[in-house]
N, C-alpha and C. Protein backbone atom coordinates (compact mmCIF):
# COMPACT_ATOMS: atom_id res chain seq x y z
N PRO A 1 5.26 -5.52 -34.91
CA PRO A 1 5.12 -6.39 -36.09
C PRO A 1 5.13 -7.87 -35.69
N PRO A 2 4.49 -8.69 -36.46
CA PRO A 2 4.36 -10.11 -36.12
C PRO A 2 5.69 -10.86 -36.01
N ASP A 3 6.75 -10.37 -36.64
CA ASP A 3 8.03 -11.07 -36.57
C ASP A 3 9.02 -10.39 -35.63
N ARG A 4 8.56 -9.48 -34.79
CA ARG A 4 9.45 -8.77 -33.86
C ARG A 4 8.83 -8.73 -32.46
N ARG A 5 8.28 -9.83 -32.03
CA ARG A 5 7.62 -9.89 -30.71
C ARG A 5 8.67 -10.00 -29.60
N VAL A 6 8.39 -9.33 -28.50
CA VAL A 6 9.24 -9.43 -27.32
C VAL A 6 8.36 -9.81 -26.13
N LEU A 7 8.97 -10.38 -25.12
CA LEU A 7 8.23 -10.75 -23.92
C LEU A 7 7.98 -9.51 -23.09
N ARG A 8 6.81 -9.42 -22.53
CA ARG A 8 6.47 -8.29 -21.66
C ARG A 8 6.50 -8.74 -20.21
N HIS A 9 6.82 -7.80 -19.35
CA HIS A 9 6.83 -8.08 -17.92
C HIS A 9 5.38 -8.26 -17.46
N ASN A 10 5.05 -9.46 -17.02
CA ASN A 10 3.71 -9.76 -16.57
C ASN A 10 3.82 -10.67 -15.35
N THR A 11 3.67 -10.09 -14.18
CA THR A 11 3.83 -10.83 -12.93
C THR A 11 2.85 -11.98 -12.81
N THR A 12 1.61 -11.75 -13.22
CA THR A 12 0.60 -12.80 -13.14
C THR A 12 0.97 -13.99 -14.02
N ALA A 13 1.38 -13.72 -15.25
CA ALA A 13 1.78 -14.80 -16.17
C ALA A 13 2.99 -15.55 -15.61
N PHE A 14 3.90 -14.82 -15.00
CA PHE A 14 5.07 -15.46 -14.40
C PHE A 14 4.66 -16.36 -13.24
N GLN A 15 3.82 -15.85 -12.34
CA GLN A 15 3.38 -16.62 -11.18
C GLN A 15 2.58 -17.85 -11.59
N GLU A 16 1.82 -17.74 -12.66
CA GLU A 16 1.03 -18.88 -13.15
C GLU A 16 1.86 -19.80 -14.05
N GLU A 17 3.14 -19.51 -14.17
CA GLU A 17 4.10 -20.30 -14.94
C GLU A 17 3.76 -20.41 -16.42
N LEU A 18 3.11 -19.37 -16.95
CA LEU A 18 2.77 -19.38 -18.38
C LEU A 18 4.03 -19.28 -19.25
N TYR A 19 5.02 -18.50 -18.80
CA TYR A 19 6.26 -18.40 -19.57
C TYR A 19 6.97 -19.75 -19.62
N LEU A 20 6.96 -20.46 -18.51
CA LEU A 20 7.55 -21.80 -18.46
C LEU A 20 6.82 -22.75 -19.41
N PHE A 21 5.50 -22.69 -19.40
CA PHE A 21 4.68 -23.54 -20.27
C PHE A 21 4.99 -23.26 -21.74
N ILE A 22 5.01 -21.98 -22.12
CA ILE A 22 5.29 -21.62 -23.52
C ILE A 22 6.71 -22.08 -23.90
N GLY A 23 7.64 -21.92 -22.98
CA GLY A 23 9.02 -22.38 -23.24
C GLY A 23 9.08 -23.87 -23.50
N LYS A 24 8.33 -24.62 -22.72
CA LYS A 24 8.30 -26.08 -22.92
C LYS A 24 7.68 -26.45 -24.26
N ILE A 25 6.62 -25.76 -24.64
CA ILE A 25 5.97 -26.02 -25.93
C ILE A 25 6.93 -25.74 -27.08
N ILE A 26 7.64 -24.62 -27.00
CA ILE A 26 8.61 -24.28 -28.05
C ILE A 26 9.72 -25.32 -28.09
N ALA A 27 10.23 -25.71 -26.91
CA ALA A 27 11.31 -26.71 -26.86
C ALA A 27 10.86 -28.05 -27.46
N LEU A 28 9.64 -28.48 -27.12
CA LEU A 28 9.12 -29.73 -27.68
C LEU A 28 9.00 -29.66 -29.20
N SER A 29 8.56 -28.53 -29.70
CA SER A 29 8.44 -28.36 -31.14
C SER A 29 9.80 -28.52 -31.82
N ILE A 30 10.79 -27.88 -31.26
CA ILE A 30 12.15 -27.93 -31.85
C ILE A 30 12.72 -29.34 -31.72
N LEU A 31 12.56 -29.96 -30.54
CA LEU A 31 13.10 -31.32 -30.33
C LEU A 31 12.50 -32.36 -31.27
N HIS A 32 11.27 -32.16 -31.66
CA HIS A 32 10.61 -33.11 -32.55
C HIS A 32 10.68 -32.70 -34.02
N GLY A 33 11.60 -31.81 -34.33
CA GLY A 33 11.83 -31.43 -35.72
C GLY A 33 10.86 -30.41 -36.25
N GLY A 34 10.06 -29.85 -35.40
CA GLY A 34 9.10 -28.83 -35.83
C GLY A 34 9.77 -27.46 -35.93
N PRO A 35 8.99 -26.51 -36.32
CA PRO A 35 9.58 -25.16 -36.47
C PRO A 35 9.82 -24.51 -35.12
N GLY A 36 10.85 -23.72 -35.08
CA GLY A 36 11.08 -22.88 -33.90
C GLY A 36 10.20 -21.65 -34.00
N PRO A 37 10.24 -20.83 -33.00
CA PRO A 37 9.40 -19.63 -33.03
C PRO A 37 9.91 -18.64 -34.08
N VAL A 38 9.01 -18.23 -34.95
CA VAL A 38 9.39 -17.26 -36.00
C VAL A 38 8.84 -15.87 -35.69
N PHE A 39 8.25 -15.72 -34.53
CA PHE A 39 7.60 -14.47 -34.18
C PHE A 39 8.44 -13.60 -33.25
N PHE A 40 9.50 -14.15 -32.66
CA PHE A 40 10.32 -13.35 -31.75
C PHE A 40 11.19 -12.37 -32.50
N ALA A 41 11.44 -11.23 -31.87
CA ALA A 41 12.39 -10.25 -32.41
C ALA A 41 13.78 -10.87 -32.39
N PRO A 42 14.63 -10.50 -33.33
CA PRO A 42 15.99 -11.06 -33.35
C PRO A 42 16.72 -10.92 -32.01
N VAL A 43 16.47 -9.84 -31.29
CA VAL A 43 17.14 -9.63 -30.01
C VAL A 43 16.72 -10.69 -28.99
N VAL A 44 15.48 -11.17 -29.04
CA VAL A 44 15.02 -12.22 -28.13
C VAL A 44 15.68 -13.54 -28.49
N VAL A 45 15.75 -13.85 -29.77
CA VAL A 45 16.39 -15.08 -30.23
C VAL A 45 17.88 -15.08 -29.85
N ASP A 46 18.54 -13.94 -30.06
CA ASP A 46 19.96 -13.84 -29.68
C ASP A 46 20.15 -14.11 -28.19
N TYR A 47 19.25 -13.57 -27.37
CA TYR A 47 19.35 -13.79 -25.93
C TYR A 47 19.10 -15.25 -25.57
N LEU A 48 18.06 -15.84 -26.15
CA LEU A 48 17.72 -17.23 -25.83
C LEU A 48 18.82 -18.21 -26.23
N PHE A 49 19.44 -17.98 -27.38
CA PHE A 49 20.42 -18.94 -27.88
C PHE A 49 21.87 -18.57 -27.62
N GLY A 50 22.13 -17.30 -27.30
CA GLY A 50 23.52 -16.90 -27.09
C GLY A 50 23.80 -16.24 -25.76
N GLY A 51 22.76 -15.92 -25.01
CA GLY A 51 22.99 -15.25 -23.73
C GLY A 51 23.05 -13.74 -23.90
N ILE A 52 23.17 -13.08 -22.79
CA ILE A 52 23.13 -11.62 -22.77
C ILE A 52 24.27 -10.99 -23.57
N THR A 53 25.41 -11.66 -23.65
CA THR A 53 26.54 -11.08 -24.37
C THR A 53 26.32 -11.03 -25.88
N MET A 54 25.38 -11.81 -26.37
CA MET A 54 25.10 -11.83 -27.81
C MET A 54 24.02 -10.83 -28.22
N VAL A 55 23.40 -10.19 -27.27
CA VAL A 55 22.26 -9.31 -27.55
C VAL A 55 22.74 -7.97 -28.11
N LYS A 56 22.18 -7.60 -29.24
CA LYS A 56 22.44 -6.30 -29.87
C LYS A 56 21.09 -5.60 -30.01
N PRO A 57 20.66 -4.93 -28.95
CA PRO A 57 19.31 -4.34 -28.99
C PRO A 57 19.20 -3.17 -29.96
N CYS A 58 17.99 -2.94 -30.42
CA CYS A 58 17.71 -1.76 -31.24
C CYS A 58 16.39 -1.16 -30.77
N VAL A 59 16.19 0.08 -31.07
CA VAL A 59 15.02 0.82 -30.61
C VAL A 59 13.73 0.16 -31.12
N GLU A 60 13.77 -0.42 -32.30
CA GLU A 60 12.57 -1.04 -32.89
C GLU A 60 12.08 -2.23 -32.07
N ASP A 61 12.93 -2.80 -31.23
CA ASP A 61 12.54 -3.94 -30.41
C ASP A 61 11.77 -3.53 -29.16
N VAL A 62 11.68 -2.25 -28.88
CA VAL A 62 10.95 -1.75 -27.71
C VAL A 62 9.47 -1.69 -28.09
N PRO A 63 8.60 -2.42 -27.37
CA PRO A 63 7.19 -2.49 -27.77
C PRO A 63 6.38 -1.22 -27.49
N ASP A 64 6.84 -0.38 -26.59
CA ASP A 64 6.11 0.83 -26.21
C ASP A 64 6.46 1.98 -27.16
N PRO A 65 5.51 2.46 -27.97
CA PRO A 65 5.80 3.53 -28.95
C PRO A 65 6.28 4.83 -28.29
N LEU A 66 5.78 5.15 -27.11
CA LEU A 66 6.22 6.37 -26.42
C LEU A 66 7.68 6.24 -25.99
N LEU A 67 8.04 5.10 -25.47
CA LEU A 67 9.43 4.86 -25.06
C LEU A 67 10.35 4.83 -26.28
N GLN A 68 9.87 4.25 -27.37
CA GLN A 68 10.64 4.26 -28.63
C GLN A 68 10.95 5.69 -29.05
N SER A 69 9.94 6.53 -28.98
CA SER A 69 10.09 7.93 -29.37
C SER A 69 11.13 8.64 -28.50
N LYS A 70 11.09 8.39 -27.20
CA LYS A 70 12.05 9.00 -26.27
C LYS A 70 13.47 8.52 -26.57
N LEU A 71 13.61 7.24 -26.87
CA LEU A 71 14.93 6.69 -27.18
C LEU A 71 15.47 7.25 -28.49
N ARG A 72 14.60 7.40 -29.48
CA ARG A 72 15.05 7.99 -30.75
C ARG A 72 15.51 9.43 -30.55
N LYS A 73 14.76 10.16 -29.73
CA LYS A 73 15.12 11.55 -29.44
C LYS A 73 16.48 11.60 -28.75
N LEU A 74 16.69 10.73 -27.78
CA LEU A 74 17.97 10.68 -27.07
C LEU A 74 19.10 10.29 -28.02
N ALA A 75 18.84 9.35 -28.90
CA ALA A 75 19.86 8.90 -29.86
C ALA A 75 20.23 10.00 -30.86
N SER A 76 19.30 10.93 -31.10
CA SER A 76 19.55 11.95 -32.12
C SER A 76 20.25 13.21 -31.60
N VAL A 77 20.43 13.33 -30.28
CA VAL A 77 21.08 14.54 -29.77
C VAL A 77 22.53 14.59 -30.22
N ASN A 78 23.01 15.82 -30.45
CA ASN A 78 24.35 15.99 -30.99
C ASN A 78 25.31 16.70 -30.04
N SER A 79 24.84 17.05 -28.87
CA SER A 79 25.74 17.74 -27.94
C SER A 79 25.58 17.18 -26.54
N GLU A 80 26.63 17.33 -25.77
CA GLU A 80 26.61 16.85 -24.39
C GLU A 80 25.56 17.60 -23.58
N GLU A 81 25.38 18.88 -23.89
CA GLU A 81 24.39 19.69 -23.18
C GLU A 81 22.97 19.15 -23.39
N GLN A 82 22.62 18.86 -24.64
CA GLN A 82 21.30 18.29 -24.94
C GLN A 82 21.13 16.93 -24.27
N PHE A 83 22.18 16.12 -24.33
CA PHE A 83 22.17 14.78 -23.76
C PHE A 83 21.88 14.84 -22.26
N ARG A 84 22.62 15.66 -21.56
CA ARG A 84 22.44 15.77 -20.10
C ARG A 84 21.11 16.41 -19.75
N SER A 85 20.65 17.33 -20.56
CA SER A 85 19.37 17.98 -20.32
C SER A 85 18.23 16.96 -20.39
N LEU A 86 18.27 16.12 -21.42
CA LEU A 86 17.24 15.09 -21.55
C LEU A 86 17.30 14.10 -20.40
N LEU A 87 18.50 13.62 -20.09
CA LEU A 87 18.64 12.61 -19.04
C LEU A 87 18.21 13.13 -17.67
N SER A 88 18.37 14.42 -17.45
CA SER A 88 18.01 14.97 -16.14
C SER A 88 16.53 15.33 -16.06
N SER A 89 15.81 15.26 -17.18
CA SER A 89 14.39 15.60 -17.15
C SER A 89 13.58 14.44 -16.57
N GLU A 90 12.45 14.78 -16.01
CA GLU A 90 11.56 13.79 -15.40
C GLU A 90 11.08 12.76 -16.42
N GLU A 91 10.98 13.19 -17.66
CA GLU A 91 10.51 12.33 -18.74
C GLU A 91 11.44 11.12 -18.97
N TYR A 92 12.71 11.25 -18.56
CA TYR A 92 13.69 10.19 -18.80
C TYR A 92 14.06 9.43 -17.53
N GLU A 93 13.19 9.47 -16.53
CA GLU A 93 13.46 8.73 -15.30
C GLU A 93 13.39 7.22 -15.50
N PHE A 94 12.86 6.77 -16.63
CA PHE A 94 12.81 5.33 -16.92
C PHE A 94 14.21 4.75 -16.98
N ARG A 95 15.22 5.61 -17.14
CA ARG A 95 16.60 5.11 -17.23
C ARG A 95 17.02 4.35 -15.98
N TYR A 96 16.44 4.71 -14.83
CA TYR A 96 16.74 4.00 -13.59
C TYR A 96 16.26 2.56 -13.67
N ASP A 97 15.14 2.33 -14.31
CA ASP A 97 14.62 0.96 -14.49
C ASP A 97 15.50 0.15 -15.42
N CYS A 98 16.29 0.84 -16.24
CA CYS A 98 17.19 0.17 -17.18
C CYS A 98 18.57 -0.06 -16.59
N GLY A 99 18.75 0.31 -15.33
CA GLY A 99 20.03 0.09 -14.66
C GLY A 99 21.01 1.24 -14.78
N ILE A 100 20.56 2.37 -15.26
CA ILE A 100 21.44 3.53 -15.38
C ILE A 100 21.15 4.45 -14.21
N SER A 101 21.93 4.25 -13.15
CA SER A 101 21.63 4.95 -11.90
C SER A 101 22.56 6.11 -11.59
N LYS A 102 23.58 6.32 -12.42
CA LYS A 102 24.47 7.46 -12.20
C LYS A 102 23.69 8.76 -12.36
N PRO A 103 24.07 9.79 -11.62
CA PRO A 103 23.45 11.10 -11.87
C PRO A 103 23.73 11.53 -13.31
N SER A 104 22.78 12.22 -13.92
CA SER A 104 22.92 12.58 -15.34
C SER A 104 24.19 13.37 -15.62
N GLY A 105 24.65 14.15 -14.67
CA GLY A 105 25.87 14.94 -14.87
C GLY A 105 27.13 14.10 -14.90
N ARG A 106 27.03 12.84 -14.48
CA ARG A 106 28.21 11.97 -14.47
C ARG A 106 28.21 10.95 -15.61
N ILE A 107 27.22 11.02 -16.47
CA ILE A 107 27.17 10.11 -17.62
C ILE A 107 27.78 10.83 -18.82
N PRO A 108 28.92 10.35 -19.29
CA PRO A 108 29.57 11.05 -20.41
C PRO A 108 28.78 10.91 -21.71
N PHE A 109 28.86 11.93 -22.54
CA PHE A 109 28.19 11.93 -23.84
C PHE A 109 28.65 10.75 -24.69
N SER A 110 29.89 10.32 -24.48
CA SER A 110 30.43 9.18 -25.24
C SER A 110 29.69 7.88 -24.91
N ASP A 111 28.92 7.85 -23.83
CA ASP A 111 28.13 6.67 -23.46
C ASP A 111 26.71 6.71 -24.00
N LYS A 112 26.42 7.65 -24.90
CA LYS A 112 25.06 7.82 -25.41
C LYS A 112 24.50 6.52 -26.00
N VAL A 113 25.27 5.83 -26.80
CA VAL A 113 24.79 4.59 -27.42
C VAL A 113 24.51 3.54 -26.36
N LYS A 114 25.37 3.43 -25.35
CA LYS A 114 25.15 2.47 -24.26
C LYS A 114 23.86 2.78 -23.52
N VAL A 115 23.60 4.06 -23.30
CA VAL A 115 22.38 4.45 -22.60
C VAL A 115 21.15 4.10 -23.42
N VAL A 116 21.19 4.37 -24.70
CA VAL A 116 20.04 4.07 -25.57
C VAL A 116 19.82 2.56 -25.65
N GLU A 117 20.89 1.78 -25.69
CA GLU A 117 20.76 0.33 -25.81
C GLU A 117 20.38 -0.34 -24.48
N ALA A 118 20.56 0.36 -23.38
CA ALA A 118 20.25 -0.23 -22.06
C ALA A 118 18.75 -0.46 -21.97
């Protein structure tokens, strides 16, 4: 949606300093009394103005519909067995990219929300 935009990992844009350029344009707009960005997802604004500790991510902020679907499925499981089964499947190997490197058998069911939010 137009009011829930998130930044995507783009090595070329980073190397060409496009993110830096856009950041400067936004900063200049705000410094001169203009509007701030109204297109970022709340989670991006929280991160920019409050740091990582202020971020309260939600599944809707994930731009990839397939990944959103996987996260919703993981969030909806009701048993430790289902939870571990999903995490140990090849389909959920993206969790390593999110910093969840423990073996699936060592991730307690009580950490389900933390895993989904990672």
